[in-house]
Amino acid sequence: MTETPPQDPTPAPQPPEPYEPLDWIGEIKGLFWMLAAVLAFHSFIAKPFYIPSISMMPNLLVGDRLVVSKFPYGWNWASASFHVLPRDTWRLLPGTPQYGDIVIVVPRDRTDDLIKRVVALPGDRIAVVNGEIVLNGKKVPQTVEPSVQLPADPQLMCGEYGYPSWCYDVFARYKRRLPSGKDVIELPTYREVLPNGATYLIVRDQPTSLYNNMPEVKVPEGHLFLMGDDRDRSADSRVANSDNGLGGPVPLSDVGGRAEFVTFSLDGSQTNNPASWWKALRPGRSWTSLRPVHLTKGK
C-alpha cells in the first residue's frame, strides 16, 4: 500500500498586489465639492456667527455662537459667505425685516459683519431724544425693568481697544457679589416696545452719552435703521462711518441674514483645546431664540 506524502500546511506566497498611486485629481475634486457644498449651505440656508463685542447686551453676550438664516429677506451679495461677491444693490426674492428683528449687516466701508436690531423701516421718520426713540413723531415706549444680572465672567477677553482686556471693564462699577458668593454684572435695564408689539430689553447707563440724542431722519425706501441693544456702546446707524458706525440708514442689499437662535455660549475660560469647552459652557443659553417677543393688543 502506497502512503500519501504529508501536505505542506504553509500556503504558497502570493505575488504582491500591484501598487495603485493616490488619485490626487480625484481627492482634490472631492475636497472641492465638499467645500462648495459648505459654501452653498452657508450662503443660501444658514451659517454660524460669533458675538465678539458688548454692543447687543443684555440679549447677546460675548462668546455666544448663533445660527443666522440667509433666506428670510431673500439673497444678495452680502448673503454669500466670506463675501466672495462684489458689493452691489441687486436682491433675489427680496423681503423686508420686521421691527425688532436682529440682522447681520455689512458696513458700507468695511467687510466685517455687524449684528444689530431693526428699529425703523423704509419710509419711517426716526429721532432719538434723551435716549428714547421717537418713531414717526411718537415715542417708543421705554419702561424701567429690574436690573439684569449677568455672570461677571472674569476671563472673558475682548480686543476692541487693540489689546486684550476684560470685556466688561466698562461695567466694572456695576459688579456685585451675591450672597451665594457669585460675582455678577447688574446692568440698568429698560424694555422697549416697537409699533408691531416686538419687545426686548436694552441697557442704558450713560445719561450724557453722545448717542442719546439724534435729529430726525427719514429712512429711505430700501433701507433700515439699526441700533444695538447696549445703547451707549453700539456703533450703529446713529454713528458716522468715520467712527466705525453704520453712517445712517443701511441698504437692504447690505443685510446678510436674520439671527435665529444661540447654539451654545462660552464664558471665556476655555482654551484652544475643545475638551475645555464643556466647563466653559454658560448654562441656560443653548437654543435660546433670538426672535423678539410680540405683545398682544391691550398688554
C-alpha atoms as a PDB file:
ATOM      1  CA  MET A   1       0.000   0.000   0.000  1.00  0.00           C
ATOM      2  CA  THR A   2       1.398   3.367  -1.046  1.00  0.00           C
ATOM      3  CA  GLU A   3       1.485   6.123   1.647  1.00  0.00           C
ATOM      4  CA  THR A   4       0.357   9.672   0.676  1.00  0.00           C
ATOM      5  CA  PRO A   5       3.108  12.167   1.375  1.00  0.00           C
ATOM      6  CA  PRO A   6       2.164  14.787   4.051  1.00  0.00           C
ATOM      7  CA  GLN A   7       0.779  18.115   2.809  1.00  0.00           C
ATOM      8  CA  ASP A   8       2.784  21.273   3.462  1.00  0.00           C
ATOM      9  CA  PRO A   9       0.496  23.482   5.697  1.00  0.00           C
ATOM     10  CA  THR A  10       2.241  26.678   4.651  1.00  0.00           C
ATOM     11  CA  PRO A  11       0.395  28.305   1.709  1.00  0.00           C
ATOM     12  CA  ALA A  12       2.432  29.336  -1.212  1.00  0.00           C
ATOM     13  CA  PRO A  13       3.303  33.052  -1.092  1.00  0.00           C
ATOM     14  CA  GLN A  14       1.078  35.227  -3.213  1.00  0.00           C
ATOM     15  CA  PRO A  15       2.519  37.839  -5.503  1.00  0.00           C
ATOM     16  CA  PRO A  16       2.079  41.376  -4.107  1.00  0.00           C
ATOM     17  CA  GLU A  17      -0.882  43.348  -5.400  1.00  0.00           C
ATOM     18  CA  PRO A  18       0.105  45.979  -7.880  1.00  0.00           C
ATOM     19  CA  TYR A  19       0.618  49.439  -6.281  1.00  0.00           C
ATOM     20  CA  GLU A  20      -2.121  51.918  -7.098  1.00  0.00           C
ATOM     21  CA  PRO A  21      -0.922  55.513  -6.871  1.00  0.00           C
ATOM     22  CA  LEU A  22      -3.105  58.008  -4.998  1.00  0.00           C
ATOM     23  CA  ASP A  23      -5.596  59.703  -7.284  1.00  0.00           C
ATOM     24  CA  TRP A  24      -4.704  63.298  -6.422  1.00  0.00           C
ATOM     25  CA  ILE A  25      -7.079  64.680  -9.027  1.00  0.00           C
ATOM     26  CA  GLY A  26      -9.979  62.729  -7.534  1.00  0.00           C
ATOM     27  CA  GLU A  27      -9.034  63.773  -3.990  1.00  0.00           C
ATOM     28  CA  ILE A  28      -8.889  67.436  -4.995  1.00  0.00           C
ATOM     29  CA  LYS A  29     -12.234  67.174  -6.785  1.00  0.00           C
ATOM     30  CA  GLY A  30     -13.822  65.602  -3.705  1.00  0.00           C
ATOM     31  CA  LEU A  31     -12.436  68.346  -1.473  1.00  0.00           C
ATOM     32  CA  PHE A  32     -13.643  70.992  -3.924  1.00  0.00           C
ATOM     33  CA  TRP A  33     -17.203  69.664  -3.982  1.00  0.00           C
ATOM     34  CA  MET A  34     -17.257  69.351  -0.197  1.00  0.00           C
ATOM     35  CA  LEU A  35     -16.153  72.984   0.218  1.00  0.00           C
ATOM     36  CA  ALA A  36     -18.615  74.080  -2.454  1.00  0.00           C
ATOM     37  CA  ALA A  37     -21.458  72.343  -0.582  1.00  0.00           C
ATOM     38  CA  VAL A  38     -20.477  74.046   2.696  1.00  0.00           C
ATOM     39  CA  LEU A  39     -20.222  77.426   0.972  1.00  0.00           C
ATOM     40  CA  ALA A  40     -23.613  76.947  -0.703  1.00  0.00           C
ATOM     41  CA  PHE A  41     -25.261  75.969   2.596  1.00  0.00           C
ATOM     42  CA  HIS A  42     -23.711  78.962   4.387  1.00  0.00           C
ATOM     43  CA  SER A  43     -24.722  81.312   1.575  1.00  0.00           C
ATOM     44  CA  PHE A  44     -28.271  80.122   0.886  1.00  0.00           C
ATOM     45  CA  ILE A  45     -29.531  78.450   4.068  1.00  0.00           C
ATOM     46  CA  ALA A  46     -27.724  79.340   7.301  1.00  0.00           C
ATOM     47  CA  LYS A  47     -24.309  79.972   8.796  1.00  0.00           C
ATOM     48  CA  PRO A  48     -22.767  80.198  12.280  1.00  0.00           C
ATOM     49  CA  PHE A  49     -21.963  83.574  13.808  1.00  0.00           C
ATOM     50  CA  TYR A  50     -19.856  84.576  16.819  1.00  0.00           C
ATOM     51  CA  ILE A  51     -20.515  87.553  19.117  1.00  0.00           C
ATOM     52  CA  PRO A  52     -17.233  89.419  19.752  1.00  0.00           C
ATOM     53  CA  SER A  53     -18.468  92.620  21.460  1.00  0.00           C
ATOM     54  CA  ILE A  54     -20.869  94.022  24.076  1.00  0.00           C
ATOM     55  CA  SER A  55     -22.950  96.117  21.653  1.00  0.00           C
ATOM     56  CA  MET A  56     -26.006  93.827  21.841  1.00  0.00           C
ATOM     57  CA  MET A  57     -26.084  93.239  25.591  1.00  0.00           C
ATOM     58  CA  PRO A  58     -28.071  92.150  27.526  1.00  0.00           C
ATOM     59  CA  ASN A  59     -29.622  89.914  24.838  1.00  0.00           C
ATOM     60  CA  LEU A  60     -26.394  88.758  23.204  1.00  0.00           C
ATOM     61  CA  LEU A  61     -23.219  88.095  25.173  1.00  0.00           C
ATOM     62  CA  VAL A  62     -19.615  87.944  24.061  1.00  0.00           C
ATOM     63  CA  GLY A  63     -18.958  84.263  23.435  1.00  0.00           C
ATOM     64  CA  ASP A  64     -22.425  83.440  22.109  1.00  0.00           C
ATOM     65  CA  ARG A  65     -22.485  81.246  18.995  1.00  0.00           C
ATOM     66  CA  LEU A  66     -25.537  81.835  16.804  1.00  0.00           C
ATOM     67  CA  VAL A  67     -27.269  80.485  13.746  1.00  0.00           C
ATOM     68  CA  VAL A  68     -28.045  83.130  11.108  1.00  0.00           C
ATOM     69  CA  SER A  69     -30.585  82.191   8.432  1.00  0.00           C
ATOM     70  CA  LYS A  70     -29.963  83.538   4.940  1.00  0.00           C
ATOM     71  CA  PHE A  71     -33.359  83.235   3.247  1.00  0.00           C
ATOM     72  CA  PRO A  72     -35.920  85.343   5.264  1.00  0.00           C
ATOM     73  CA  TYR A  73     -35.244  88.521   3.261  1.00  0.00           C
ATOM     74  CA  GLY A  74     -34.090  86.916   0.021  1.00  0.00           C
ATOM     75  CA  TRP A  75     -30.497  86.810  -1.196  1.00  0.00           C
ATOM     76  CA  ASN A  76     -27.960  89.443  -2.198  1.00  0.00           C
ATOM     77  CA  TRP A  77     -24.208  89.943  -2.394  1.00  0.00           C
ATOM     78  CA  ALA A  78     -23.983  90.027   1.429  1.00  0.00           C
ATOM     79  CA  SER A  79     -25.577  86.567   1.689  1.00  0.00           C
ATOM     80  CA  ALA A  80     -22.516  84.868   0.226  1.00  0.00           C
ATOM     81  CA  SER A  81     -20.153  83.616   2.914  1.00  0.00           C
ATOM     82  CA  PHE A  82     -16.685  85.162   3.085  1.00  0.00           C
ATOM     83  CA  HIS A  83     -18.083  87.989   0.890  1.00  0.00           C
ATOM     84  CA  VAL A  84     -16.846  86.369  -2.292  1.00  0.00           C
ATOM     85  CA  LEU A  85     -19.207  88.524  -4.381  1.00  0.00           C
ATOM     86  CA  PRO A  86     -18.631  92.223  -5.101  1.00  0.00           C
ATOM     87  CA  ARG A  87     -20.795  94.725  -3.232  1.00  0.00           C
ATOM     88  CA  ASP A  88     -23.909  95.529  -5.277  1.00  0.00           C
ATOM     89  CA  THR A  89     -27.576  96.536  -4.933  1.00  0.00           C
ATOM     90  CA  TRP A  90     -29.290  93.505  -6.537  1.00  0.00           C
ATOM     91  CA  ARG A  91     -31.674  91.376  -4.456  1.00  0.00           C
ATOM     92  CA  LEU A  92     -33.200  87.993  -5.314  1.00  0.00           C
ATOM     93  CA  LEU A  93     -36.679  87.201  -3.908  1.00  0.00           C
ATOM     94  CA  PRO A  94     -36.411  90.290  -1.696  1.00  0.00           C
ATOM     95  CA  GLY A  95     -38.165  90.690   1.644  1.00  0.00           C
ATOM     96  CA  THR A  96     -38.216  93.351   4.357  1.00  0.00           C
ATOM     97  CA  PRO A  97     -37.362  92.687   8.020  1.00  0.00           C
ATOM     98  CA  GLN A  98     -39.883  93.418  10.752  1.00  0.00           C
ATOM     99  CA  TYR A  99     -39.463  95.755  13.682  1.00  0.00           C
ATOM    100  CA  GLY A 100     -37.324  94.090  16.325  1.00  0.00           C
ATOM    101  CA  ASP A 101     -35.573  91.567  14.076  1.00  0.00           C
ATOM    102  CA  ILE A 102     -31.863  91.055  14.775  1.00  0.00           C
ATOM    103  CA  VAL A 103     -29.963  91.167  11.489  1.00  0.00           C
ATOM    104  CA  ILE A 104     -26.454  90.810  10.126  1.00  0.00           C
ATOM    105  CA  VAL A 105     -25.236  93.815   8.147  1.00  0.00           C
ATOM    106  CA  VAL A 106     -22.018  94.632   6.289  1.00  0.00           C
ATOM    107  CA  PRO A 107     -20.970  98.296   6.807  1.00  0.00           C
ATOM    108  CA  ARG A 108     -20.537 100.207   3.584  1.00  0.00           C
ATOM    109  CA  ASP A 109     -16.837 100.907   4.220  1.00  0.00           C
ATOM    110  CA  ARG A 110     -15.825  97.511   5.651  1.00  0.00           C
ATOM    111  CA  THR A 111     -16.222  93.805   5.039  1.00  0.00           C
ATOM    112  CA  ASP A 112     -16.777  92.587   8.600  1.00  0.00           C
ATOM    113  CA  ASP A 113     -20.290  91.587   9.653  1.00  0.00           C
ATOM    114  CA  LEU A 114     -22.079  93.544  12.395  1.00  0.00           C
ATOM    115  CA  ILE A 115     -25.181  92.433  14.269  1.00  0.00           C
ATOM    116  CA  LYS A 116     -27.893  94.982  15.168  1.00  0.00           C
ATOM    117  CA  ARG A 117     -31.632  95.300  15.753  1.00  0.00           C
ATOM    118  CA  VAL A 118     -34.147  96.780  13.296  1.00  0.00           C
ATOM    119  CA  VAL A 119     -35.836  99.817  14.891  1.00  0.00           C
ATOM    120  CA  ALA A 120     -37.103 101.671  11.801  1.00  0.00           C
ATOM    121  CA  LEU A 121     -38.342 100.527   8.392  1.00  0.00           C
ATOM    122  CA  PRO A 122     -38.380 102.126   4.928  1.00  0.00           C
ATOM    123  CA  GLY A 123     -40.339 105.401   4.977  1.00  0.00           C
ATOM    124  CA  ASP A 124     -40.195 105.831   8.780  1.00  0.00           C
ATOM    125  CA  ARG A 125     -39.041 109.017  10.458  1.00  0.00           C
ATOM    126  CA  ILE A 126     -36.784 108.385  13.440  1.00  0.00           C
ATOM    127  CA  ALA A 127     -35.125 110.574  16.067  1.00  0.00           C
ATOM    128  CA  VAL A 128     -33.507 109.920  19.448  1.00  0.00           C
ATOM    129  CA  VAL A 129     -34.330 112.260  22.323  1.00  0.00           C
ATOM    130  CA  ASN A 130     -32.691 111.749  25.735  1.00  0.00           C
ATOM    131  CA  GLY A 131     -32.027 108.121  24.897  1.00  0.00           C
ATOM    132  CA  GLU A 132     -35.588 107.375  23.743  1.00  0.00           C
ATOM    133  CA  ILE A 133     -36.581 106.559  20.179  1.00  0.00           C
ATOM    134  CA  VAL A 134     -39.168 108.827  18.578  1.00  0.00           C
ATOM    135  CA  LEU A 135     -40.674 106.975  15.633  1.00  0.00           C
ATOM    136  CA  ASN A 136     -42.917 108.850  13.210  1.00  0.00           C
ATOM    137  CA  GLY A 137     -43.485 111.545  15.826  1.00  0.00           C
ATOM    138  CA  LYS A 138     -44.354 109.149  18.686  1.00  0.00           C
ATOM    139  CA  LYS A 139     -42.128 107.981  21.493  1.00  0.00           C
ATOM    140  CA  VAL A 140     -41.391 104.277  21.513  1.00  0.00           C
ATOM    141  CA  PRO A 141     -42.500 103.048  24.967  1.00  0.00           C
ATOM    142  CA  GLN A 142     -39.499 102.516  27.210  1.00  0.00           C
ATOM    143  CA  THR A 143     -40.053 101.355  30.781  1.00  0.00           C
ATOM    144  CA  VAL A 144     -37.666 100.615  33.635  1.00  0.00           C
ATOM    145  CA  GLU A 145     -37.111  96.910  34.324  1.00  0.00           C
ATOM    146  CA  PRO A 146     -35.351  95.151  37.214  1.00  0.00           C
ATOM    147  CA  SER A 147     -31.607  95.227  36.604  1.00  0.00           C
ATOM    148  CA  VAL A 148     -30.357  92.313  34.544  1.00  0.00           C
ATOM    149  CA  GLN A 149     -27.802  90.203  36.390  1.00  0.00           C
ATOM    150  CA  LEU A 150     -25.188  88.605  34.149  1.00  0.00           C
ATOM    151  CA  PRO A 151     -22.266  86.414  35.262  1.00  0.00           C
ATOM    152  CA  ALA A 152     -19.135  88.542  35.619  1.00  0.00           C
ATOM    153  CA  ASP A 153     -17.060  86.076  33.537  1.00  0.00           C
ATOM    154  CA  PRO A 154     -13.660  87.381  34.725  1.00  0.00           C
ATOM    155  CA  GLN A 155     -11.740  85.537  31.985  1.00  0.00           C
ATOM    156  CA  LEU A 156     -13.826  86.951  29.127  1.00  0.00           C
ATOM    157  CA  MET A 157     -11.480  88.991  26.938  1.00  0.00           C
ATOM    158  CA  CYS A 158     -12.255  91.412  24.084  1.00  0.00           C
ATOM    159  CA  GLY A 159      -9.918  93.229  21.705  1.00  0.00           C
ATOM    160  CA  GLU A 160     -11.966  96.319  20.859  1.00  0.00           C
ATOM    161  CA  TYR A 161      -9.192  98.661  22.005  1.00  0.00           C
ATOM    162  CA  GLY A 162      -6.423  96.937  20.089  1.00  0.00           C
ATOM    163  CA  TYR A 163      -5.302  94.773  23.004  1.00  0.00           C
ATOM    164  CA  PRO A 164      -6.965  92.057  25.117  1.00  0.00           C
ATOM    165  CA  SER A 165      -8.958  93.434  28.049  1.00  0.00           C
ATOM    166  CA  TRP A 166     -11.858  92.281  30.223  1.00  0.00           C
ATOM    167  CA  CYS A 167     -14.982  92.640  28.101  1.00  0.00           C
ATOM    168  CA  TYR A 168     -16.980  94.089  30.992  1.00  0.00           C
ATOM    169  CA  ASP A 169     -14.357  96.623  32.064  1.00  0.00           C
ATOM    170  CA  VAL A 170     -16.755  99.468  31.175  1.00  0.00           C
ATOM    171  CA  PHE A 171     -19.316  97.880  33.507  1.00  0.00           C
ATOM    172  CA  ALA A 172     -16.908  97.452  36.442  1.00  0.00           C
ATOM    173  CA  ARG A 173     -18.916  99.800  38.680  1.00  0.00           C
ATOM    174  CA  TYR A 174     -21.930  97.501  38.291  1.00  0.00           C
ATOM    175  CA  LYS A 175     -20.108  94.439  39.581  1.00  0.00           C
ATOM    176  CA  ARG A 176     -21.845  92.903  42.603  1.00  0.00           C
ATOM    177  CA  ARG A 177     -21.255  89.848  44.777  1.00  0.00           C
ATOM    178  CA  LEU A 178     -24.410  87.899  45.549  1.00  0.00           C
ATOM    179  CA  PRO A 179     -24.986  86.249  48.951  1.00  0.00           C
ATOM    180  CA  SER A 180     -24.113  82.970  47.230  1.00  0.00           C
ATOM    181  CA  GLY A 181     -20.620  84.350  46.554  1.00  0.00           C
ATOM    182  CA  LYS A 182     -21.189  84.599  42.799  1.00  0.00           C
ATOM    183  CA  ASP A 183     -19.994  87.773  41.050  1.00  0.00           C
ATOM    184  CA  VAL A 184     -22.436  89.356  38.612  1.00  0.00           C
ATOM    185  CA  ILE A 185     -22.746  92.481  36.486  1.00  0.00           C
ATOM    186  CA  GLU A 186     -26.004  94.238  37.407  1.00  0.00           C
ATOM    187  CA  LEU A 187     -26.970  96.483  34.497  1.00  0.00           C
ATOM    188  CA  PRO A 188     -29.574  99.294  34.317  1.00  0.00           C
ATOM    189  CA  THR A 189     -32.255  97.768  32.126  1.00  0.00           C
ATOM    190  CA  TYR A 190     -35.228  99.084  30.150  1.00  0.00           C
ATOM    191  CA  ARG A 191     -37.890  97.469  27.986  1.00  0.00           C
ATOM    192  CA  GLU A 192     -38.808  98.844  24.576  1.00  0.00           C
ATOM    193  CA  VAL A 193     -41.973  98.043  22.630  1.00  0.00           C
ATOM    194  CA  LEU A 194     -41.981  98.772  18.900  1.00  0.00           C
ATOM    195  CA  PRO A 195     -45.145  99.513  16.860  1.00  0.00           C
ATOM    196  CA  ASN A 196     -45.710  95.852  15.908  1.00  0.00           C
ATOM    197  CA  GLY A 197     -45.570  94.786  19.559  1.00  0.00           C
ATOM    198  CA  ALA A 198     -41.984  93.467  19.358  1.00  0.00           C
ATOM    199  CA  THR A 199     -40.464  93.876  22.800  1.00  0.00           C
ATOM    200  CA  TYR A 200     -36.945  93.324  24.146  1.00  0.00           C
ATOM    201  CA  LEU A 201     -34.565  94.590  26.817  1.00  0.00           C
ATOM    202  CA  ILE A 202     -31.933  97.293  26.358  1.00  0.00           C
ATOM    203  CA  VAL A 203     -29.140  98.687  28.517  1.00  0.00           C
ATOM    204  CA  ARG A 204     -28.773 102.427  29.182  1.00  0.00           C
ATOM    205  CA  ASP A 205     -26.394 103.735  31.836  1.00  0.00           C
ATOM    206  CA  GLN A 206     -24.811 106.935  30.494  1.00  0.00           C
ATOM    207  CA  PRO A 207     -27.214 109.920  30.576  1.00  0.00           C
ATOM    208  CA  THR A 208     -24.632 112.135  28.833  1.00  0.00           C
ATOM    209  CA  SER A 209     -23.805 109.682  26.020  1.00  0.00           C
ATOM    210  CA  LEU A 210     -23.260 111.252  22.609  1.00  0.00           C
ATOM    211  CA  TYR A 211     -25.715 108.710  21.203  1.00  0.00           C
ATOM    212  CA  ASN A 212     -28.620 109.820  23.425  1.00  0.00           C
ATOM    213  CA  ASN A 213     -29.776 112.498  21.006  1.00  0.00           C
ATOM    214  CA  MET A 214     -30.107 112.459  17.235  1.00  0.00           C
ATOM    215  CA  PRO A 215     -32.100 114.780  14.973  1.00  0.00           C
ATOM    216  CA  GLU A 216     -34.921 113.242  12.988  1.00  0.00           C
ATOM    217  CA  VAL A 217     -34.017 111.479   9.764  1.00  0.00           C
ATOM    218  CA  LYS A 218     -36.232 109.758   7.217  1.00  0.00           C
ATOM    219  CA  VAL A 219     -35.369 106.193   6.317  1.00  0.00           C
ATOM    220  CA  PRO A 220     -35.206 105.989   2.505  1.00  0.00           C
ATOM    221  CA  GLU A 221     -37.023 103.296   0.584  1.00  0.00           C
ATOM    222  CA  GLY A 222     -34.976 100.105   0.512  1.00  0.00           C
ATOM    223  CA  HIS A 223     -33.195 101.000   3.765  1.00  0.00           C
ATOM    224  CA  LEU A 224     -33.346 100.185   7.503  1.00  0.00           C
ATOM    225  CA  PHE A 225     -32.331 101.996  10.665  1.00  0.00           C
ATOM    226  CA  LEU A 226     -30.421  99.706  13.033  1.00  0.00           C
ATOM    227  CA  MET A 227     -29.414 100.073  16.669  1.00  0.00           C
ATOM    228  CA  GLY A 228     -27.631  97.929  19.241  1.00  0.00           C
ATOM    229  CA  ASP A 229     -29.308  96.913  22.493  1.00  0.00           C
ATOM    230  CA  ASP A 230     -26.425  98.355  24.552  1.00  0.00           C
ATOM    231  CA  ARG A 231     -27.464 101.840  23.558  1.00  0.00           C
ATOM    232  CA  ASP A 232     -24.449 103.702  24.948  1.00  0.00           C
ATOM    233  CA  ARG A 233     -21.811 101.489  23.323  1.00  0.00           C
ATOM    234  CA  SER A 234     -23.151 100.461  19.946  1.00  0.00           C
ATOM    235  CA  ALA A 235     -21.635 101.872  16.754  1.00  0.00           C
ATOM    236  CA  ASP A 236     -24.837 101.640  14.716  1.00  0.00           C
ATOM    237  CA  SER A 237     -26.960 103.801  12.399  1.00  0.00           C
ATOM    238  CA  ARG A 238     -26.614 106.728  14.823  1.00  0.00           C
ATOM    239  CA  VAL A 239     -22.836 106.763  14.394  1.00  0.00           C
ATOM    240  CA  ALA A 240     -20.784 108.051  11.463  1.00  0.00           C
ATOM    241  CA  ASN A 241     -18.745 105.681   9.311  1.00  0.00           C
ATOM    242  CA  SER A 242     -15.620 107.535  10.423  1.00  0.00           C
ATOM    243  CA  ASP A 243     -16.345 106.402  13.989  1.00  0.00           C
ATOM    244  CA  ASN A 244     -16.854 102.784  12.885  1.00  0.00           C
ATOM    245  CA  GLY A 245     -20.644 103.184  12.801  1.00  0.00           C
ATOM    246  CA  LEU A 246     -23.139 102.438  10.071  1.00  0.00           C
ATOM    247  CA  GLY A 247     -23.427 106.061   8.995  1.00  0.00           C
ATOM    248  CA  GLY A 248     -27.224 106.326   8.997  1.00  0.00           C
ATOM    249  CA  PRO A 249     -29.844 104.052   7.407  1.00  0.00           C
ATOM    250  CA  VAL A 250     -28.371 100.988   5.695  1.00  0.00           C
ATOM    251  CA  PRO A 251     -29.435  99.497   2.338  1.00  0.00           C
ATOM    252  CA  LEU A 252     -31.380  96.254   2.469  1.00  0.00           C
ATOM    253  CA  SER A 253     -28.857  94.925  -0.041  1.00  0.00           C
ATOM    254  CA  ASP A 254     -26.214  95.066   2.727  1.00  0.00           C
ATOM    255  CA  VAL A 255     -28.266  92.876   5.096  1.00  0.00           C
ATOM    256  CA  GLY A 256     -26.987  89.310   5.021  1.00  0.00           C
ATOM    257  CA  GLY A 257     -29.486  87.429   7.179  1.00  0.00           C
ATOM    258  CA  ARG A 258     -31.501  87.140  10.395  1.00  0.00           C
ATOM    259  CA  ALA A 259     -30.232  85.846  13.751  1.00  0.00           C
ATOM    260  CA  GLU A 260     -32.359  82.886  14.834  1.00  0.00           C
ATOM    261  CA  PHE A 261     -31.038  81.249  17.999  1.00  0.00           C
ATOM    262  CA  VAL A 262     -27.986  80.679  20.210  1.00  0.00           C
ATOM    263  CA  THR A 263     -26.422  77.262  19.694  1.00  0.00           C
ATOM    264  CA  PHE A 264     -24.031  77.487  22.660  1.00  0.00           C
ATOM    265  CA  SER A 265     -22.140  80.103  24.650  1.00  0.00           C
ATOM    266  CA  LEU A 266     -18.660  80.108  26.237  1.00  0.00           C
ATOM    267  CA  ASP A 267     -17.668  82.257  29.213  1.00  0.00           C
ATOM    268  CA  GLY A 268     -14.043  82.906  28.196  1.00  0.00           C
ATOM    269  CA  SER A 269     -12.417  80.294  30.428  1.00  0.00           C
ATOM    270  CA  GLN A 270     -11.896  77.872  27.537  1.00  0.00           C
ATOM    271  CA  THR A 271      -8.574  77.207  25.823  1.00  0.00           C
ATOM    272  CA  ASN A 272      -7.789  76.100  22.275  1.00  0.00           C
ATOM    273  CA  ASN A 273      -8.389  72.541  23.423  1.00  0.00           C
ATOM    274  CA  PRO A 274     -12.052  71.694  22.674  1.00  0.00           C
ATOM    275  CA  ALA A 275     -12.060  69.443  25.741  1.00  0.00           C
ATOM    276  CA  SER A 276     -12.023  72.610  27.887  1.00  0.00           C
ATOM    277  CA  TRP A 277     -15.201  73.956  26.306  1.00  0.00           C
ATOM    278  CA  TRP A 278     -17.534  71.804  28.406  1.00  0.00           C
ATOM    279  CA  LYS A 279     -16.611  73.576  31.645  1.00  0.00           C
ATOM    280  CA  ALA A 280     -16.788  76.964  29.863  1.00  0.00           C
ATOM    281  CA  LEU A 281     -20.374  76.483  28.670  1.00  0.00           C
ATOM    282  CA  ARG A 282     -22.806  79.050  30.023  1.00  0.00           C
ATOM    283  CA  PRO A 283     -25.829  77.196  31.393  1.00  0.00           C
ATOM    284  CA  GLY A 284     -29.245  78.074  30.018  1.00  0.00           C
ATOM    285  CA  ARG A 285     -28.170  79.862  26.834  1.00  0.00           C
ATOM    286  CA  SER A 286     -28.099  76.999  24.349  1.00  0.00           C
ATOM    287  CA  TRP A 287     -31.043  77.029  21.903  1.00  0.00           C
ATOM    288  CA  THR A 288     -32.220  80.419  23.162  1.00  0.00           C
ATOM    289  CA  SER A 289     -34.419  82.032  20.489  1.00  0.00           C
ATOM    290  CA  LEU A 290     -33.363  85.470  19.239  1.00  0.00           C
ATOM    291  CA  ARG A 291     -36.718  86.366  17.736  1.00  0.00           C
ATOM    292  CA  PRO A 292     -38.399  89.197  19.672  1.00  0.00           C
ATOM    293  CA  VAL A 293     -41.433  88.505  21.811  1.00  0.00           C
ATOM    294  CA  HIS A 294     -44.573  90.188  20.409  1.00  0.00           C
ATOM    295  CA  LEU A 295     -47.075  91.651  22.841  1.00  0.00           C
ATOM    296  CA  THR A 296     -50.740  91.315  22.004  1.00  0.00           C
ATOM    297  CA  LYS A 297     -53.003  94.361  21.989  1.00  0.00           C
ATOM    298  CA  GLY A 298     -54.021  95.536  25.403  1.00  0.00           C
ATOM    299  CA  LYS A 299     -50.795  94.436  27.090  1.00  0.00           C
END
